[in-house]
PDB file of N, CA and C in Angstrom:
ATOM      1  N   MET A   1      -5.227 -16.942   2.453  1.00  0.00           N
ATOM      2  CA  MET A   1      -4.945 -16.607   1.064  1.00  0.00           C
ATOM      3  C   MET A   1      -3.493 -16.162   0.946  1.00  0.00           C
ATOM      4  N   ALA A   2      -2.784 -16.722   0.041  1.00  0.00           N
ATOM      5  CA  ALA A   2      -1.410 -16.311  -0.214  1.00  0.00           C
ATOM      6  C   ALA A   2      -1.440 -15.111  -1.142  1.00  0.00           C
ATOM      7  N   LEU A   3      -1.110 -13.943  -0.618  1.00  0.00           N
ATOM      8  CA  LEU A   3      -1.229 -12.708  -1.398  1.00  0.00           C
ATOM      9  C   LEU A   3      -0.308 -12.661  -2.596  1.00  0.00           C
ATOM     10  N   LYS A   4       0.844 -13.323  -2.505  1.00  0.00           N
ATOM     11  CA  LYS A   4       1.744 -13.255  -3.647  1.00  0.00           C
ATOM     12  C   LYS A   4       1.212 -14.031  -4.839  1.00  0.00           C
ATOM     13  N   ASP A   5       0.235 -14.894  -4.616  1.00  0.00           N
ATOM     14  CA  ASP A   5      -0.331 -15.697  -5.689  1.00  0.00           C
ATOM     15  C   ASP A   5      -1.623 -15.116  -6.257  1.00  0.00           C
ATOM     16  N   LYS A   6      -2.298 -14.272  -5.489  1.00  0.00           N
ATOM     17  CA  LYS A   6      -3.623 -13.814  -5.884  1.00  0.00           C
ATOM     18  C   LYS A   6      -3.794 -12.335  -5.598  1.00  0.00           C
ATOM     19  N   LYS A   7      -4.763 -11.750  -6.260  1.00  0.00           N
ATOM     20  CA  LYS A   7      -5.159 -10.384  -5.957  1.00  0.00           C
ATOM     21  C   LYS A   7      -6.149 -10.432  -4.801  1.00  0.00           C
ATOM     22  N   LEU A   8      -6.377  -9.276  -4.192  1.00  0.00           N
ATOM     23  CA  LEU A   8      -7.365  -9.209  -3.126  1.00  0.00           C
ATOM     24  C   LEU A   8      -8.756  -9.451  -3.703  1.00  0.00           C
ATOM     25  N   PRO A   9      -9.632 -10.090  -2.932  1.00  0.00           N
ATOM     26  CA  PRO A   9     -11.000 -10.247  -3.415  1.00  0.00           C
ATOM     27  C   PRO A   9     -11.669  -8.882  -3.566  1.00  0.00           C
ATOM     28  N   SER A  10     -12.600  -8.768  -4.467  1.00  0.00           N
ATOM     29  CA  SER A  10     -13.246  -7.482  -4.741  1.00  0.00           C
ATOM     30  C   SER A  10     -13.999  -6.942  -3.535  1.00  0.00           C
ATOM     31  N   ASP A  11     -14.400  -7.811  -2.620  1.00  0.00           N
ATOM     32  CA  ASP A  11     -15.134  -7.359  -1.442  1.00  0.00           C
ATOM     33  C   ASP A  11     -14.221  -7.085  -0.235  1.00  0.00           C
ATOM     34  N   PHE A  12     -12.894  -7.068  -0.470  1.00  0.00           N
ATOM     35  CA  PHE A  12     -11.939  -6.798   0.592  1.00  0.00           C
ATOM     36  C   PHE A  12     -12.172  -5.400   1.133  1.00  0.00           C
ATOM     37  N   VAL A  13     -12.207  -5.275   2.458  1.00  0.00           N
ATOM     38  CA  VAL A  13     -12.405  -3.987   3.105  1.00  0.00           C
ATOM     39  C   VAL A  13     -11.081  -3.549   3.721  1.00  0.00           C
ATOM     40  N   VAL A  14     -10.646  -2.364   3.368  1.00  0.00           N
ATOM     41  CA  VAL A  14      -9.394  -1.818   3.873  1.00  0.00           C
ATOM     42  C   VAL A  14      -9.612  -1.330   5.301  1.00  0.00           C
ATOM     43  N   ASP A  15      -8.725  -1.733   6.204  1.00  0.00           N
ATOM     44  CA  ASP A  15      -8.769  -1.263   7.575  1.00  0.00           C
ATOM     45  C   ASP A  15      -8.686   0.265   7.575  1.00  0.00           C
ATOM     46  N   LYS A  16      -9.576   0.909   8.309  1.00  0.00           N
ATOM     47  CA  LYS A  16      -9.652   2.382   8.297  1.00  0.00           C
ATOM     48  C   LYS A  16      -8.378   3.028   8.829  1.00  0.00           C
ATOM     49  N   THR A  17      -7.745   2.423   9.826  1.00  0.00           N
ATOM     50  CA  THR A  17      -6.511   2.978  10.370  1.00  0.00           C
ATOM     51  C   THR A  17      -5.408   2.935   9.325  1.00  0.00           C
ATOM     52  N   LEU A  18      -5.310   1.819   8.607  1.00  0.00           N
ATOM     53  CA  LEU A  18      -4.321   1.697   7.535  1.00  0.00           C
ATOM     54  C   LEU A  18      -4.632   2.675   6.409  1.00  0.00           C
ATOM     55  N   GLU A  19      -5.886   2.758   6.025  1.00  0.00           N
ATOM     56  CA  GLU A  19      -6.265   3.692   4.953  1.00  0.00           C
ATOM     57  C   GLU A  19      -5.897   5.123   5.327  1.00  0.00           C
ATOM     58  N   GLN A  20      -6.197   5.519   6.542  1.00  0.00           N
ATOM     59  CA  GLN A  20      -5.888   6.878   6.989  1.00  0.00           C
ATOM     60  C   GLN A  20      -4.376   7.119   6.985  1.00  0.00           C
ATOM     61  N   ALA A  21      -3.609   6.138   7.431  1.00  0.00           N
ATOM     62  CA  ALA A  21      -2.154   6.276   7.442  1.00  0.00           C
ATOM     63  C   ALA A  21      -1.606   6.402   6.025  1.00  0.00           C
ATOM     64  N   ILE A  22      -2.138   5.617   5.099  1.00  0.00           N
ATOM     65  CA  ILE A  22      -1.695   5.702   3.702  1.00  0.00           C
ATOM     66  C   ILE A  22      -2.039   7.066   3.128  1.00  0.00           C
ATOM     67  N   ARG A  23      -3.268   7.495   3.321  1.00  0.00           N
ATOM     68  CA  ARG A  23      -3.682   8.789   2.773  1.00  0.00           C
ATOM     69  C   ARG A  23      -2.872   9.941   3.381  1.00  0.00           C
ATOM     70  N   SER A  24      -2.506   9.824   4.653  1.00  0.00           N
ATOM     71  CA  SER A  24      -1.698  10.854   5.305  1.00  0.00           C
ATOM     72  C   SER A  24      -0.272  10.884   4.763  1.00  0.00           C
ATOM     73  N   ALA A  25       0.204   9.760   4.278  1.00  0.00           N
ATOM     74  CA  ALA A  25       1.575   9.660   3.771  1.00  0.00           C
ATOM     75  C   ALA A  25       1.697  10.038   2.298  1.00  0.00           C
ATOM     76  N   VAL A  26       0.595  10.245   1.628  1.00  0.00           N
ATOM     77  CA  VAL A  26       0.611  10.576   0.200  1.00  0.00           C
ATOM     78  C   VAL A  26       1.256  11.945  -0.012  1.00  0.00           C
ATOM     79  N   ASP A  27       2.119  12.021  -1.007  1.00  0.00           N
ATOM     80  CA  ASP A  27       2.809  13.268  -1.355  1.00  0.00           C
ATOM     81  C   ASP A  27       1.842  14.268  -1.984  1.00  0.00           C
ATOM     82  N   SER A  28       2.310  15.482  -2.145  1.00  0.00           N
ATOM     83  CA  SER A  28       1.471  16.545  -2.717  1.00  0.00           C
ATOM     84  C   SER A  28       1.030  16.239  -4.145  1.00  0.00           C
ATOM     85  N   ASP A  29       1.760  15.330  -4.818  1.00  0.00           N
ATOM     86  CA  ASP A  29       1.386  14.968  -6.187  1.00  0.00           C
ATOM     87  C   ASP A  29       0.359  13.832  -6.223  1.00  0.00           C
ATOM     88  N   GLY A  30      -0.114  13.403  -5.041  1.00  0.00           N
ATOM     89  CA  GLY A  30      -1.138  12.365  -4.985  1.00  0.00           C
ATOM     90  C   GLY A  30      -0.597  10.947  -5.023  1.00  0.00           C
ATOM     91  N   ARG A  31       0.727  10.800  -4.968  1.00  0.00           N
ATOM     92  CA  ARG A  31       1.339   9.474  -4.997  1.00  0.00           C
ATOM     93  C   ARG A  31       2.039   9.197  -3.672  1.00  0.00           C
ATOM     94  N   LEU A  32       2.303   7.927  -3.432  1.00  0.00           N
ATOM     95  CA  LEU A  32       2.969   7.488  -2.217  1.00  0.00           C
ATOM     96  C   LEU A  32       4.376   7.031  -2.576  1.00  0.00           C
ATOM     97  N   SER A  33       5.383   7.569  -1.885  1.00  0.00           N
ATOM     98  CA  SER A  33       6.744   7.138  -2.181  1.00  0.00           C
ATOM     99  C   SER A  33       6.947   5.717  -1.663  1.00  0.00           C
ATOM    100  N   CYS A  34       7.823   5.002  -2.325  1.00  0.00           N
ATOM    101  CA  CYS A  34       8.134   3.636  -1.917  1.00  0.00           C
ATOM    102  C   CYS A  34       8.681   3.632  -0.489  1.00  0.00           C
ATOM    103  N   HIS A  35       9.505   4.595  -0.168  1.00  0.00           N
ATOM    104  CA  HIS A  35      10.071   4.692   1.174  1.00  0.00           C
ATOM    105  C   HIS A  35       8.962   4.795   2.228  1.00  0.00           C
ATOM    106  N   LYS A  36       7.973   5.632   1.977  1.00  0.00           N
ATOM    107  CA  LYS A  36       6.853   5.772   2.920  1.00  0.00           C
ATOM    108  C   LYS A  36       6.014   4.496   2.967  1.00  0.00           C
ATOM    109  N   ALA A  37       5.877   3.829   1.833  1.00  0.00           N
ATOM    110  CA  ALA A  37       5.133   2.561   1.806  1.00  0.00           C
ATOM    111  C   ALA A  37       5.832   1.533   2.686  1.00  0.00           C
ATOM    112  N   TRP A  38       7.169   1.461   2.596  1.00  0.00           N
ATOM    113  CA  TRP A  38       7.920   0.515   3.415  1.00  0.00           C
ATOM    114  C   TRP A  38       7.827   0.880   4.893  1.00  0.00           C
ATOM    115  N   ASP A  39       7.776   2.187   5.197  1.00  0.00           N
ATOM    116  CA  ASP A  39       7.583   2.612   6.587  1.00  0.00           C
ATOM    117  C   ASP A  39       6.241   2.111   7.121  1.00  0.00           C
ATOM    118  N   LEU A  40       5.213   2.166   6.283  1.00  0.00           N
ATOM    119  CA  LEU A  40       3.891   1.672   6.684  1.00  0.00           C
ATOM    120  C   LEU A  40       3.910   0.156   6.895  1.00  0.00           C
ATOM    121  N   VAL A  41       4.666  -0.539   6.058  1.00  0.00           N
ATOM    122  CA  VAL A  41       4.821  -1.991   6.215  1.00  0.00           C
ATOM    123  C   VAL A  41       5.377  -2.298   7.605  1.00  0.00           C
ATOM    124  N   ASP A  42       6.419  -1.572   7.983  1.00  0.00           N
ATOM    125  CA  ASP A  42       7.024  -1.785   9.302  1.00  0.00           C
ATOM    126  C   ASP A  42       6.082  -1.384  10.434  1.00  0.00           C
ATOM    127  N   ARG A  43       5.434  -0.255  10.272  1.00  0.00           N
ATOM    128  CA  ARG A  43       4.539   0.266  11.314  1.00  0.00           C
ATOM    129  C   ARG A  43       3.366  -0.662  11.581  1.00  0.00           C
ATOM    130  N   PHE A  44       2.763  -1.184  10.509  1.00  0.00           N
ATOM    131  CA  PHE A  44       1.574  -2.023  10.654  1.00  0.00           C
ATOM    132  C   PHE A  44       1.889  -3.518  10.662  1.00  0.00           C
ATOM    133  N   ARG A  45       3.179  -3.826  10.429  1.00  0.00           N
ATOM    134  CA  ARG A  45       3.613  -5.230  10.408  1.00  0.00           C
ATOM    135  C   ARG A  45       2.802  -6.062   9.418  1.00  0.00           C
ATOM    136  N   ILE A  46       2.767  -5.544   8.203  1.00  0.00           N
ATOM    137  CA  ILE A  46       2.057  -6.214   7.118  1.00  0.00           C
ATOM    138  C   ILE A  46       3.029  -6.410   5.966  1.00  0.00           C
ATOM    139  N   SER A  47       2.614  -7.164   4.980  1.00  0.00           N
ATOM    140  CA  SER A  47       3.493  -7.438   3.845  1.00  0.00           C
ATOM    141  C   SER A  47       3.514  -6.252   2.867  1.00  0.00           C
ATOM    142  N   ARG A  48       4.600  -6.150   2.141  1.00  0.00           N
ATOM    143  CA  ARG A  48       4.716  -5.107   1.113  1.00  0.00           C
ATOM    144  C   ARG A  48       3.653  -5.298   0.039  1.00  0.00           C
ATOM    145  N   ILE A  49       3.401  -6.538  -0.292  1.00  0.00           N
ATOM    146  CA  ILE A  49       2.411  -6.794  -1.348  1.00  0.00           C
ATOM    147  C   ILE A  49       1.013  -6.339  -0.910  1.00  0.00           C
ATOM    148  N   LEU A  50       0.717  -6.480   0.382  1.00  0.00           N
ATOM    149  CA  LEU A  50      -0.585  -6.020   0.870  1.00  0.00           C
ATOM    150  C   LEU A  50      -0.689  -4.505   0.733  1.00  0.00           C
ATOM    151  N   VAL A  51       0.374  -3.789   1.044  1.00  0.00           N
ATOM    152  CA  VAL A  51       0.348  -2.333   0.872  1.00  0.00           C
ATOM    153  C   VAL A  51       0.131  -1.996  -0.598  1.00  0.00           C
ATOM    154  N   GLY A  52       0.782  -2.731  -1.486  1.00  0.00           N
ATOM    155  CA  GLY A  52       0.574  -2.513  -2.916  1.00  0.00           C
ATOM    156  C   GLY A  52      -0.857  -2.763  -3.342  1.00  0.00           C
ATOM    157  N   TYR A  53      -1.445  -3.833  -2.848  1.00  0.00           N
ATOM    158  CA  TYR A  53      -2.841  -4.132  -3.185  1.00  0.00           C
ATOM    159  C   TYR A  53      -3.784  -3.072  -2.634  1.00  0.00           C
ATOM    160  N   VAL A  54      -3.529  -2.649  -1.402  1.00  0.00           N
ATOM    161  CA  VAL A  54      -4.402  -1.646  -0.782  1.00  0.00           C
ATOM    162  C   VAL A  54      -4.294  -0.320  -1.521  1.00  0.00           C
ATOM    163  N   THR A  55      -3.087   0.093  -1.873  1.00  0.00           N
ATOM    164  CA  THR A  55      -2.954   1.347  -2.614  1.00  0.00           C
ATOM    165  C   THR A  55      -3.626   1.249  -3.982  1.00  0.00           C
ATOM    166  N   ASP A  56      -3.553   0.091  -4.611  1.00  0.00           N
ATOM    167  CA  ASP A  56      -4.281  -0.106  -5.874  1.00  0.00           C
ATOM    168  C   ASP A  56      -5.776   0.083  -5.658  1.00  0.00           C
ATOM    169  N   LYS A  57      -6.286  -0.526  -4.598  1.00  0.00           N
ATOM    170  CA  LYS A  57      -7.718  -0.421  -4.306  1.00  0.00           C
ATOM    171  C   LYS A  57      -8.122   1.033  -4.035  1.00  0.00           C
ATOM    172  N   LEU A  58      -7.231   1.784  -3.384  1.00  0.00           N
ATOM    173  CA  LEU A  58      -7.495   3.192  -3.086  1.00  0.00           C
ATOM    174  C   LEU A  58      -7.142   4.112  -4.253  1.00  0.00           C
ATOM    175  N   MET A  59      -6.637   3.517  -5.341  1.00  0.00           N
ATOM    176  CA  MET A  59      -6.255   4.244  -6.546  1.00  0.00           C
ATOM    177  C   MET A  59      -5.140   5.258  -6.265  1.00  0.00           C
ATOM    178  N   ILE A  60      -4.163   4.819  -5.454  1.00  0.00           N
ATOM    179  CA  ILE A  60      -2.998   5.623  -5.143  1.00  0.00           C
ATOM    180  C   ILE A  60      -1.791   4.925  -5.764  1.00  0.00           C
ATOM    181  N   ARG A  61      -1.018   5.666  -6.521  1.00  0.00           N
ATOM    182  CA  ARG A  61       0.162   5.113  -7.182  1.00  0.00           C
ATOM    183  C   ARG A  61       1.368   5.227  -6.266  1.00  0.00           C
ATOM    184  N   ILE A  62       2.240   4.238  -6.326  1.00  0.00           N
ATOM    185  CA  ILE A  62       3.498   4.256  -5.585  1.00  0.00           C
ATOM    186  C   ILE A  62       4.607   4.610  -6.568  1.00  0.00           C
ATOM    187  N   HIS A  63       5.514   5.489  -6.140  1.00  0.00           N
ATOM    188  CA  HIS A  63       6.593   5.930  -7.035  1.00  0.00           C
ATOM    189  C   HIS A  63       7.946   5.816  -6.362  1.00  0.00           C
ATOM    190  N   ASP A  64       8.980   5.931  -7.158  1.00  0.00           N
ATOM    191  CA  ASP A  64      10.371   5.885  -6.692  1.00  0.00           C
ATOM    192  C   ASP A  64      10.697   4.604  -5.933  1.00  0.00           C
ATOM    193  N   CYS A  65      10.247   3.488  -6.464  1.00  0.00           N
ATOM    194  CA  CYS A  65      10.504   2.223  -5.792  1.00  0.00           C
ATOM    195  C   CYS A  65      11.891   1.718  -6.181  1.00  0.00           C
ATOM    196  N   GLN A  66      12.735   1.569  -5.177  1.00  0.00           N
ATOM    197  CA  GLN A  66      14.120   1.197  -5.421  1.00  0.00           C
ATOM    198  C   GLN A  66      14.282  -0.243  -5.899  1.00  0.00           C
ATOM    199  N   LEU A  67      13.350  -1.123  -5.579  1.00  0.00           N
ATOM    200  CA  LEU A  67      13.470  -2.515  -5.984  1.00  0.00           C
ATOM    201  C   LEU A  67      12.420  -2.939  -7.005  1.00  0.00           C
ATOM    202  N   GLY A  68      11.577  -2.037  -7.409  1.00  0.00           N
ATOM    203  CA  GLY A  68      10.514  -2.406  -8.328  1.00  0.00           C
ATOM    204  C   GLY A  68       9.463  -3.277  -7.672  1.00  0.00           C
ATOM    205  N   ALA A  69       9.363  -3.186  -6.342  1.00  0.00           N
ATOM    206  CA  ALA A  69       8.425  -4.033  -5.595  1.00  0.00           C
ATOM    207  C   ALA A  69       6.982  -3.573  -5.768  1.00  0.00           C
ATOM    208  N   PHE A  70       6.791  -2.340  -6.189  1.00  0.00           N
ATOM    209  CA  PHE A  70       5.424  -1.816  -6.361  1.00  0.00           C
ATOM    210  C   PHE A  70       5.235  -1.353  -7.793  1.00  0.00           C
TER     211      PHE A  70
END
């Protein structure tokens, strides 16, 4: 599936390690900074769009995005 063309399927299951890393990186205001999201992209070697989709699924907002990627 080309993620840039489609949303994740509704039955998509988020990897628990990735979910835990995202939740650990969330700021005190309940949002994830774009910088931390990009760090997760590098750490897990996944696409930025996948991190955006996963955070949407987890109902976590991304803020301070320098390129408007999220």
